Amino acid sequence: MKRRAMFSSRLERRRQVRRFARLVGVTVFVIGLGLVAVFAVQGLDFLGIAEADRLPLGAVVLGAIGAVFALSLVAYAAVRMFSRID
Protein backbone atom coordinates (compact mmCIF):
# COMPACT_ATOMS: atom_id res chain seq x y z
CA MET A 1 0.00 0.00 0.00
CA LYS A 2 1.44 3.36 -1.00
CA ARG A 3 1.10 6.26 1.40
CA ARG A 4 2.59 8.93 -0.82
CA ALA A 5 -0.64 10.91 -0.84
CA MET A 6 -0.27 11.49 2.89
CA PHE A 7 3.10 13.21 2.56
CA SER A 8 3.64 16.73 1.38
CA SER A 9 5.78 17.37 -1.68
CA ARG A 10 8.45 18.96 0.52
CA LEU A 11 8.75 15.84 2.68
CA GLU A 12 8.83 13.64 -0.40
CA ARG A 13 11.61 15.76 -1.92
CA ARG A 14 13.59 15.56 1.32
CA ARG A 15 13.21 11.79 1.32
CA GLN A 16 14.42 11.56 -2.28
CA VAL A 17 17.42 13.77 -1.50
CA ARG A 18 18.38 11.56 1.44
CA ARG A 19 18.13 8.48 -0.75
CA PHE A 20 20.27 10.12 -3.45
CA ALA A 21 22.82 11.26 -0.85
CA ARG A 22 23.12 7.70 0.47
CA LEU A 23 23.53 6.43 -3.07
CA VAL A 24 26.34 8.93 -3.71
CA GLY A 25 28.07 8.07 -0.43
CA VAL A 26 27.88 4.32 -1.01
CA THR A 27 29.06 4.70 -4.61
CA VAL A 28 32.09 6.74 -3.55
CA PHE A 29 32.87 4.18 -0.84
CA VAL A 30 32.60 1.15 -3.14
CA ILE A 31 34.70 2.73 -5.89
CA GLY A 32 37.27 3.84 -3.32
CA LEU A 33 37.47 0.35 -1.82
CA GLY A 34 37.99 -1.08 -5.27
CA LEU A 35 40.84 1.33 -5.96
CA VAL A 36 42.45 0.62 -2.59
CA ALA A 37 42.24 -3.12 -3.27
CA VAL A 38 43.79 -2.77 -6.72
CA PHE A 39 46.67 -0.63 -5.45
CA ALA A 40 47.23 -2.92 -2.46
CA VAL A 41 47.51 -5.99 -4.69
CA GLN A 42 49.83 -4.12 -7.04
CA GLY A 43 51.93 -3.01 -4.08
CA LEU A 44 52.24 -6.57 -2.80
CA ASP A 45 53.21 -7.84 -6.24
CA PHE A 46 55.61 -4.99 -6.97
CA LEU A 47 57.42 -5.07 -3.66
CA GLY A 48 57.45 -8.85 -3.32
CA ILE A 49 56.75 -8.43 0.36
CA ALA A 50 57.49 -11.37 2.63
CA GLU A 51 55.10 -12.46 5.37
CA ALA A 52 56.92 -10.49 8.07
CA ASP A 53 56.92 -7.18 6.18
CA ARG A 54 53.18 -6.89 5.51
CA LEU A 55 52.37 -4.88 8.63
CA PRO A 56 53.40 -1.45 7.23
CA LEU A 57 51.48 -2.03 4.01
CA GLY A 58 48.48 -3.23 6.04
CA ALA A 59 48.58 -0.04 8.10
CA VAL A 60 48.64 2.04 4.93
CA VAL A 61 45.70 0.09 3.50
CA LEU A 62 43.68 0.60 6.69
CA GLY A 63 44.51 4.30 6.58
CA ALA A 64 43.38 4.45 2.96
CA ILE A 65 40.12 2.70 3.84
CA GLY A 66 39.57 5.25 6.61
CA ALA A 67 40.22 8.07 4.15
CA VAL A 68 37.76 6.56 1.68
CA PHE A 69 35.15 6.31 4.44
CA ALA A 70 35.73 9.96 5.38
CA LEU A 71 35.46 10.97 1.72
CA SER A 72 32.17 9.12 1.37
CA LEU A 73 30.80 10.94 4.43
CA VAL A 74 31.90 14.26 2.92
CA ALA A 75 30.16 13.36 -0.36
CA TYR A 76 26.97 12.46 1.56
CA ALA A 77 27.09 15.74 3.50
CA ALA A 78 27.78 17.76 0.35
CA VAL A 79 24.75 16.33 -1.43
CA ARG A 80 22.57 17.02 1.61
CA MET A 81 23.95 20.55 1.99
CA PHE A 82 23.60 21.55 -1.66
CA SER A 83 20.08 20.14 -1.83
CA ARG A 84 18.97 22.69 0.77
CA ILE A 85 20.01 25.59 -1.44
CA ASP A 86 16.92 26.64 -3.38
PDB file of N, CA and C in Angstrom:
ATOM      1  N   MET A   1       0.840  -1.161   0.000  1.00  0.00           N
ATOM      2  CA  MET A   1       0.000   0.000   0.000  1.00  0.00           C
ATOM      3  C   MET A   1       0.895   1.237   0.000  1.00  0.00           C
ATOM      4  N   LYS A   2       0.642   2.136  -0.914  1.00  0.00           N
ATOM      5  CA  LYS A   2       1.436   3.356  -0.995  1.00  0.00           C
ATOM      6  C   LYS A   2       0.781   4.451  -0.171  1.00  0.00           C
ATOM      7  N   ARG A   3       1.595   5.163   0.566  1.00  0.00           N
ATOM      8  CA  ARG A   3       1.097   6.259   1.396  1.00  0.00           C
ATOM      9  C   ARG A   3       1.592   7.610   0.900  1.00  0.00           C
ATOM     10  N   ARG A   4       2.006   7.696  -0.318  1.00  0.00           N
ATOM     11  CA  ARG A   4       2.593   8.929  -0.822  1.00  0.00           C
ATOM     12  C   ARG A   4       1.612  10.097  -0.780  1.00  0.00           C
ATOM     13  N   ALA A   5       0.344   9.834  -0.863  1.00  0.00           N
ATOM     14  CA  ALA A   5      -0.637  10.908  -0.843  1.00  0.00           C
ATOM     15  C   ALA A   5      -0.688  11.592   0.515  1.00  0.00           C
ATOM     16  N   MET A   6      -0.226  10.915   1.556  1.00  0.00           N
ATOM     17  CA  MET A   6      -0.274  11.491   2.893  1.00  0.00           C
ATOM     18  C   MET A   6       0.879  12.462   3.138  1.00  0.00           C
ATOM     19  N   PHE A   7       1.935  12.373   2.345  1.00  0.00           N
ATOM     20  CA  PHE A   7       3.097  13.214   2.563  1.00  0.00           C
ATOM     21  C   PHE A   7       3.022  14.453   1.686  1.00  0.00           C
ATOM     22  N   SER A   8       3.583  15.525   2.189  1.00  0.00           N
ATOM     23  CA  SER A   8       3.645  16.730   1.377  1.00  0.00           C
ATOM     24  C   SER A   8       4.763  16.590   0.351  1.00  0.00           C
ATOM     25  N   SER A   9       4.741  17.443  -0.642  1.00  0.00           N
ATOM     26  CA  SER A   9       5.776  17.374  -1.679  1.00  0.00           C
ATOM     27  C   SER A   9       7.142  17.728  -1.104  1.00  0.00           C
ATOM     28  N   ARG A  10       7.179  18.588  -0.107  1.00  0.00           N
ATOM     29  CA  ARG A  10       8.451  18.958   0.519  1.00  0.00           C
ATOM     30  C   ARG A  10       9.068  17.766   1.252  1.00  0.00           C
ATOM     31  N   LEU A  11       8.245  17.023   1.981  1.00  0.00           N
ATOM     32  CA  LEU A  11       8.750  15.845   2.676  1.00  0.00           C
ATOM     33  C   LEU A  11       9.191  14.766   1.694  1.00  0.00           C
ATOM     34  N   GLU A  12       8.453  14.627   0.609  1.00  0.00           N
ATOM     35  CA  GLU A  12       8.831  13.642  -0.403  1.00  0.00           C
ATOM     36  C   GLU A  12      10.156  14.021  -1.062  1.00  0.00           C
ATOM     37  N   ARG A  13      10.349  15.295  -1.326  1.00  0.00           N
ATOM     38  CA  ARG A  13      11.610  15.755  -1.917  1.00  0.00           C
ATOM     39  C   ARG A  13      12.766  15.516  -0.955  1.00  0.00           C
ATOM     40  N   ARG A  14      12.545  15.786   0.309  1.00  0.00           N
ATOM     41  CA  ARG A  14      13.588  15.564   1.318  1.00  0.00           C
ATOM     42  C   ARG A  14      13.954  14.078   1.391  1.00  0.00           C
ATOM     43  N   ARG A  15      12.963  13.227   1.293  1.00  0.00           N
ATOM     44  CA  ARG A  15      13.214  11.786   1.317  1.00  0.00           C
ATOM     45  C   ARG A  15      14.008  11.346   0.092  1.00  0.00           C
ATOM     46  N   GLN A  16      13.686  11.891  -1.063  1.00  0.00           N
ATOM     47  CA  GLN A  16      14.421  11.556  -2.279  1.00  0.00           C
ATOM     48  C   GLN A  16      15.860  12.052  -2.213  1.00  0.00           C
ATOM     49  N   VAL A  17      16.064  13.230  -1.633  1.00  0.00           N
ATOM     50  CA  VAL A  17      17.420  13.772  -1.502  1.00  0.00           C
ATOM     51  C   VAL A  17      18.239  12.896  -0.567  1.00  0.00           C
ATOM     52  N   ARG A  18      17.655  12.447   0.519  1.00  0.00           N
ATOM     53  CA  ARG A  18      18.379  11.565   1.439  1.00  0.00           C
ATOM     54  C   ARG A  18      18.755  10.257   0.755  1.00  0.00           C
ATOM     55  N   ARG A  19      17.848   9.719  -0.026  1.00  0.00           N
ATOM     56  CA  ARG A  19      18.130   8.480  -0.751  1.00  0.00           C
ATOM     57  C   ARG A  19      19.254   8.695  -1.761  1.00  0.00           C
ATOM     58  N   PHE A  20      19.212   9.818  -2.482  1.00  0.00           N
ATOM     59  CA  PHE A  20      20.266  10.122  -3.451  1.00  0.00           C
ATOM     60  C   PHE A  20      21.602  10.353  -2.754  1.00  0.00           C
ATOM     61  N   ALA A  21      21.583  11.018  -1.603  1.00  0.00           N
ATOM     62  CA  ALA A  21      22.820  11.259  -0.854  1.00  0.00           C
ATOM     63  C   ALA A  21      23.433   9.943  -0.387  1.00  0.00           C
ATOM     64  N   ARG A  22      22.599   9.023   0.088  1.00  0.00           N
ATOM     65  CA  ARG A  22      23.117   7.702   0.474  1.00  0.00           C
ATOM     66  C   ARG A  22      23.703   6.971  -0.723  1.00  0.00           C
ATOM     67  N   LEU A  23      23.035   7.067  -1.861  1.00  0.00           N
ATOM     68  CA  LEU A  23      23.534   6.425  -3.071  1.00  0.00           C
ATOM     69  C   LEU A  23      24.902   6.987  -3.467  1.00  0.00           C
ATOM     70  N   VAL A  24      25.056   8.302  -3.387  1.00  0.00           N
ATOM     71  CA  VAL A  24      26.339   8.929  -3.714  1.00  0.00           C
ATOM     72  C   VAL A  24      27.410   8.479  -2.730  1.00  0.00           C
ATOM     73  N   GLY A  25      27.098   8.487  -1.438  1.00  0.00           N
ATOM     74  CA  GLY A  25      28.069   8.067  -0.431  1.00  0.00           C
ATOM     75  C   GLY A  25      28.503   6.623  -0.596  1.00  0.00           C
ATOM     76  N   VAL A  26      27.556   5.740  -0.836  1.00  0.00           N
ATOM     77  CA  VAL A  26      27.884   4.319  -1.012  1.00  0.00           C
ATOM     78  C   VAL A  26      28.678   4.107  -2.295  1.00  0.00           C
ATOM     79  N   THR A  27      28.329   4.830  -3.349  1.00  0.00           N
ATOM     80  CA  THR A  27      29.061   4.700  -4.609  1.00  0.00           C
ATOM     81  C   THR A  27      30.507   5.137  -4.451  1.00  0.00           C
ATOM     82  N   VAL A  28      30.722   6.266  -3.790  1.00  0.00           N
ATOM     83  CA  VAL A  28      32.089   6.739  -3.548  1.00  0.00           C
ATOM     84  C   VAL A  28      32.854   5.719  -2.713  1.00  0.00           C
ATOM     85  N   PHE A  29      32.203   5.153  -1.704  1.00  0.00           N
ATOM     86  CA  PHE A  29      32.869   4.181  -0.835  1.00  0.00           C
ATOM     87  C   PHE A  29      33.246   2.911  -1.596  1.00  0.00           C
ATOM     88  N   VAL A  30      32.338   2.390  -2.405  1.00  0.00           N
ATOM     89  CA  VAL A  30      32.605   1.146  -3.137  1.00  0.00           C
ATOM     90  C   VAL A  30      33.710   1.351  -4.174  1.00  0.00           C
ATOM     91  N   ILE A  31      33.656   2.461  -4.903  1.00  0.00           N
ATOM     92  CA  ILE A  31      34.704   2.733  -5.888  1.00  0.00           C
ATOM     93  C   ILE A  31      36.044   2.932  -5.193  1.00  0.00           C
ATOM     94  N   GLY A  32      36.039   3.637  -4.072  1.00  0.00           N
ATOM     95  CA  GLY A  32      37.273   3.838  -3.318  1.00  0.00           C
ATOM     96  C   GLY A  32      37.852   2.536  -2.794  1.00  0.00           C
ATOM     97  N   LEU A  33      36.991   1.656  -2.283  1.00  0.00           N
ATOM     98  CA  LEU A  33      37.475   0.354  -1.817  1.00  0.00           C
ATOM     99  C   LEU A  33      38.071  -0.457  -2.960  1.00  0.00           C
ATOM    100  N   GLY A  34      37.449  -0.379  -4.108  1.00  0.00           N
ATOM    101  CA  GLY A  34      37.993  -1.080  -5.270  1.00  0.00           C
ATOM    102  C   GLY A  34      39.369  -0.563  -5.651  1.00  0.00           C
ATOM    103  N   LEU A  35      39.532   0.757  -5.636  1.00  0.00           N
ATOM    104  CA  LEU A  35      40.836   1.335  -5.960  1.00  0.00           C
ATOM    105  C   LEU A  35      41.886   0.972  -4.920  1.00  0.00           C
ATOM    106  N   VAL A  36      41.508   1.002  -3.648  1.00  0.00           N
ATOM    107  CA  VAL A  36      42.447   0.616  -2.589  1.00  0.00           C
ATOM    108  C   VAL A  36      42.864  -0.836  -2.767  1.00  0.00           C
ATOM    109  N   ALA A  37      41.914  -1.697  -3.084  1.00  0.00           N
ATOM    110  CA  ALA A  37      42.237  -3.117  -3.270  1.00  0.00           C
ATOM    111  C   ALA A  37      43.185  -3.323  -4.448  1.00  0.00           C
ATOM    112  N   VAL A  38      42.931  -2.624  -5.544  1.00  0.00           N
ATOM    113  CA  VAL A  38      43.794  -2.767  -6.719  1.00  0.00           C
ATOM    114  C   VAL A  38      45.208  -2.307  -6.404  1.00  0.00           C
ATOM    115  N   PHE A  39      45.336  -1.143  -5.757  1.00  0.00           N
ATOM    116  CA  PHE A  39      46.670  -0.634  -5.447  1.00  0.00           C
ATOM    117  C   PHE A  39      47.368  -1.475  -4.382  1.00  0.00           C
ATOM    118  N   ALA A  40      46.612  -2.054  -3.466  1.00  0.00           N
ATOM    119  CA  ALA A  40      47.235  -2.922  -2.459  1.00  0.00           C
ATOM    120  C   ALA A  40      47.787  -4.193  -3.096  1.00  0.00           C
ATOM    121  N   VAL A  41      47.031  -4.779  -4.007  1.00  0.00           N
ATOM    122  CA  VAL A  41      47.509  -5.988  -4.689  1.00  0.00           C
ATOM    123  C   VAL A  41      48.721  -5.660  -5.554  1.00  0.00           C
ATOM    124  N   GLN A  42      48.680  -4.522  -6.236  1.00  0.00           N
ATOM    125  CA  GLN A  42      49.832  -4.117  -7.043  1.00  0.00           C
ATOM    126  C   GLN A  42      51.047  -3.857  -6.162  1.00  0.00           C
ATOM    127  N   GLY A  43      50.820  -3.268  -4.993  1.00  0.00           N
ATOM    128  CA  GLY A  43      51.925  -3.014  -4.076  1.00  0.00           C
ATOM    129  C   GLY A  43      52.543  -4.299  -3.566  1.00  0.00           C
ATOM    130  N   LEU A  44      51.716  -5.274  -3.252  1.00  0.00           N
ATOM    131  CA  LEU A  44      52.238  -6.567  -2.802  1.00  0.00           C
ATOM    132  C   LEU A  44      53.025  -7.260  -3.907  1.00  0.00           C
ATOM    133  N   ASP A  45      52.507  -7.199  -5.126  1.00  0.00           N
ATOM    134  CA  ASP A  45      53.207  -7.839  -6.245  1.00  0.00           C
ATOM    135  C   ASP A  45      54.501  -7.111  -6.589  1.00  0.00           C
ATOM    136  N   PHE A  46      54.449  -5.779  -6.575  1.00  0.00           N
ATOM    137  CA  PHE A  46      55.608  -4.987  -6.967  1.00  0.00           C
ATOM    138  C   PHE A  46      56.743  -5.112  -5.957  1.00  0.00           C
ATOM    139  N   LEU A  47      56.386  -5.051  -4.692  1.00  0.00           N
ATOM    140  CA  LEU A  47      57.421  -5.075  -3.663  1.00  0.00           C
ATOM    141  C   LEU A  47      57.882  -6.482  -3.332  1.00  0.00           C
ATOM    142  N   GLY A  48      57.085  -7.474  -3.659  1.00  0.00           N
ATOM    143  CA  GLY A  48      57.445  -8.848  -3.318  1.00  0.00           C
ATOM    144  C   GLY A  48      57.609  -9.008  -1.817  1.00  0.00           C
ATOM    145  N   ILE A  49      56.654  -8.485  -1.098  1.00  0.00           N
ATOM    146  CA  ILE A  49      56.754  -8.429   0.359  1.00  0.00           C
ATOM    147  C   ILE A  49      56.643  -9.823   0.955  1.00  0.00           C
ATOM    148  N   ALA A  50      57.527 -10.101   1.895  1.00  0.00           N
ATOM    149  CA  ALA A  50      57.487 -11.371   2.626  1.00  0.00           C
ATOM    150  C   ALA A  50      56.410 -11.288   3.701  1.00  0.00           C
ATOM    151  N   GLU A  51      56.131 -12.396   4.329  1.00  0.00           N
ATOM    152  CA  GLU A  51      55.097 -12.460   5.368  1.00  0.00           C
ATOM    153  C   GLU A  51      55.358 -11.471   6.501  1.00  0.00           C
ATOM    154  N   ALA A  52      56.595 -11.318   6.903  1.00  0.00           N
ATOM    155  CA  ALA A  52      56.920 -10.492   8.065  1.00  0.00           C
ATOM    156  C   ALA A  52      56.810  -9.003   7.771  1.00  0.00           C
ATOM    157  N   ASP A  53      56.899  -8.600   6.513  1.00  0.00           N
ATOM    158  CA  ASP A  53      56.922  -7.181   6.177  1.00  0.00           C
ATOM    159  C   ASP A  53      55.569  -6.642   5.726  1.00  0.00           C
ATOM    160  N   ARG A  54      54.501  -7.338   5.972  1.00  0.00           N
ATOM    161  CA  ARG A  54      53.183  -6.894   5.513  1.00  0.00           C
ATOM    162  C   ARG A  54      52.518  -5.900   6.454  1.00  0.00           C
ATOM    163  N   LEU A  55      53.007  -5.768   7.656  1.00  0.00           N
ATOM    164  CA  LEU A  55      52.369  -4.879   8.626  1.00  0.00           C
ATOM    165  C   LEU A  55      52.355  -3.421   8.167  1.00  0.00           C
ATOM    166  N   PRO A  56      53.457  -2.847   7.685  1.00  0.00           N
ATOM    167  CA  PRO A  56      53.395  -1.451   7.233  1.00  0.00           C
ATOM    168  C   PRO A  56      52.420  -1.243   6.076  1.00  0.00           C
ATOM    169  N   LEU A  57      52.412  -2.167   5.127  1.00  0.00           N
ATOM    170  CA  LEU A  57      51.477  -2.034   4.013  1.00  0.00           C
ATOM    171  C   LEU A  57      50.033  -2.196   4.499  1.00  0.00           C
ATOM    172  N   GLY A  58      49.816  -3.075   5.462  1.00  0.00           N
ATOM    173  CA  GLY A  58      48.477  -3.231   6.036  1.00  0.00           C
ATOM    174  C   GLY A  58      48.012  -1.972   6.739  1.00  0.00           C
ATOM    175  N   ALA A  59      48.931  -1.302   7.430  1.00  0.00           N
ATOM    176  CA  ALA A  59      48.580  -0.045   8.098  1.00  0.00           C
ATOM    177  C   ALA A  59      48.216   1.030   7.077  1.00  0.00           C
ATOM    178  N   VAL A  60      48.943   1.067   5.983  1.00  0.00           N
ATOM    179  CA  VAL A  60      48.642   2.039   4.928  1.00  0.00           C
ATOM    180  C   VAL A  60      47.285   1.737   4.298  1.00  0.00           C
ATOM    181  N   VAL A  61      46.992   0.469   4.086  1.00  0.00           N
ATOM    182  CA  VAL A  61      45.704   0.088   3.499  1.00  0.00           C
ATOM    183  C   VAL A  61      44.562   0.457   4.443  1.00  0.00           C
ATOM    184  N   LEU A  62      44.727   0.210   5.733  1.00  0.00           N
ATOM    185  CA  LEU A  62      43.683   0.601   6.692  1.00  0.00           C
ATOM    186  C   LEU A  62      43.505   2.112   6.728  1.00  0.00           C
ATOM    187  N   GLY A  63      44.600   2.844   6.645  1.00  0.00           N
ATOM    188  CA  GLY A  63      44.506   4.301   6.576  1.00  0.00           C
ATOM    189  C   GLY A  63      43.784   4.764   5.325  1.00  0.00           C
ATOM    190  N   ALA A  64      44.052   4.103   4.211  1.00  0.00           N
ATOM    191  CA  ALA A  64      43.379   4.454   2.959  1.00  0.00           C
ATOM    192  C   ALA A  64      41.889   4.138   3.031  1.00  0.00           C
ATOM    193  N   ILE A  65      41.540   3.034   3.671  1.00  0.00           N
ATOM    194  CA  ILE A  65      40.116   2.703   3.836  1.00  0.00           C
ATOM    195  C   ILE A  65      39.433   3.744   4.723  1.00  0.00           C
ATOM    196  N   GLY A  66      40.116   4.179   5.763  1.00  0.00           N
ATOM    197  CA  GLY A  66      39.572   5.247   6.608  1.00  0.00           C
ATOM    198  C   GLY A  66      39.386   6.540   5.836  1.00  0.00           C
ATOM    199  N   ALA A  67      40.341   6.859   4.973  1.00  0.00           N
ATOM    200  CA  ALA A  67      40.221   8.066   4.155  1.00  0.00           C
ATOM    201  C   ALA A  67      39.069   7.950   3.162  1.00  0.00           C
ATOM    202  N   VAL A  68      38.880   6.777   2.600  1.00  0.00           N
ATOM    203  CA  VAL A  68      37.758   6.561   1.677  1.00  0.00           C
ATOM    204  C   VAL A  68      36.435   6.698   2.420  1.00  0.00           C
ATOM    205  N   PHE A  69      36.369   6.176   3.636  1.00  0.00           N
ATOM    206  CA  PHE A  69      35.150   6.313   4.439  1.00  0.00           C
ATOM    207  C   PHE A  69      34.866   7.785   4.736  1.00  0.00           C
ATOM    208  N   ALA A  70      35.908   8.534   5.108  1.00  0.00           N
ATOM    209  CA  ALA A  70      35.729   9.963   5.376  1.00  0.00           C
ATOM    210  C   ALA A  70      35.287  10.702   4.116  1.00  0.00           C
ATOM    211  N   LEU A  71      35.850  10.337   2.979  1.00  0.00           N
ATOM    212  CA  LEU A  71      35.465  10.970   1.723  1.00  0.00           C
ATOM    213  C   LEU A  71      34.015  10.662   1.366  1.00  0.00           C
ATOM    214  N   SER A  72      33.563   9.458   1.660  1.00  0.00           N
ATOM    215  CA  SER A  72      32.167   9.121   1.374  1.00  0.00           C
ATOM    216  C   SER A  72      31.219   9.894   2.290  1.00  0.00           C
ATOM    217  N   LEU A  73      31.623  10.115   3.536  1.00  0.00           N
ATOM    218  CA  LEU A  73      30.804  10.942   4.430  1.00  0.00           C
ATOM    219  C   LEU A  73      30.750  12.387   3.953  1.00  0.00           C
ATOM    220  N   VAL A  74      31.870  12.895   3.456  1.00  0.00           N
ATOM    221  CA  VAL A  74      31.899  14.259   2.920  1.00  0.00           C
ATOM    222  C   VAL A  74      31.005  14.362   1.687  1.00  0.00           C
ATOM    223  N   ALA A  75      31.021  13.358   0.827  1.00  0.00           N
ATOM    224  CA  ALA A  75      30.156  13.361  -0.357  1.00  0.00           C
ATOM    225  C   ALA A  75      28.687  13.337   0.052  1.00  0.00           C
ATOM    226  N   TYR A  76      28.351  12.523   1.045  1.00  0.00           N
ATOM    227  CA  TYR A  76      26.975  12.462   1.555  1.00  0.00           C
ATOM    228  C   TYR A  76      26.547  13.828   2.093  1.00  0.00           C
ATOM    229  N   ALA A  77      27.411  14.433   2.907  1.00  0.00           N
ATOM    230  CA  ALA A  77      27.087  15.736   3.498  1.00  0.00           C
ATOM    231  C   ALA A  77      26.980  16.821   2.434  1.00  0.00           C
ATOM    232  N   ALA A  78      27.824  16.755   1.413  1.00  0.00           N
ATOM    233  CA  ALA A  78      27.776  17.759   0.351  1.00  0.00           C
ATOM    234  C   ALA A  78      26.466  17.678  -0.423  1.00  0.00           C
ATOM    235  N   VAL A  79      26.020  16.476  -0.717  1.00  0.00           N
ATOM    236  CA  VAL A  79      24.745  16.332  -1.426  1.00  0.00           C
ATOM    237  C   VAL A  79      23.611  16.851  -0.564  1.00  0.00           C
ATOM    238  N   ARG A  80      23.623  16.529   0.713  1.00  0.00           N
ATOM    239  CA  ARG A  80      22.572  17.021   1.609  1.00  0.00           C
ATOM    240  C   ARG A  80      22.610  18.539   1.725  1.00  0.00           C
ATOM    241  N   MET A  81      23.823  19.104   1.817  1.00  0.00           N
ATOM    242  CA  MET A  81      23.952  20.547   1.988  1.00  0.00           C
ATOM    243  C   MET A  81      23.502  21.289   0.731  1.00  0.00           C
ATOM    244  N   PHE A  82      23.952  20.844  -0.438  1.00  0.00           N
ATOM    245  CA  PHE A  82      23.601  21.553  -1.663  1.00  0.00           C
ATOM    246  C   PHE A  82      22.150  21.338  -2.060  1.00  0.00           C
ATOM    247  N   SER A  83      21.501  20.334  -1.530  1.00  0.00           N
ATOM    248  CA  SER A  83      20.084  20.145  -1.834  1.00  0.00           C
ATOM    249  C   SER A  83      19.218  21.144  -1.080  1.00  0.00           C
ATOM    250  N   ARG A  84      19.742  21.707  -0.009  1.00  0.00           N
ATOM    251  CA  ARG A  84      18.970  22.690   0.766  1.00  0.00           C
ATOM    252  C   ARG A  84      18.990  24.072   0.139  1.00  0.00           C
ATOM    253  N   ILE A  85      19.923  24.292  -0.778  1.00  0.00           N
ATOM    254  CA  ILE A  85      20.007  25.590  -1.440  1.00  0.00           C
ATOM    255  C   ILE A  85      18.950  25.630  -2.530  1.00  0.00           C
ATOM    256  N   ASP A  86      18.015  26.526  -2.382  1.00  0.00           N
ATOM    257  CA  ASP A  86      16.922  26.637  -3.375  1.00  0.00           C
ATOM    258  C   ASP A  86      16.988  27.946  -4.108  1.00  0.00           C
TER     259      ASP A  86
END
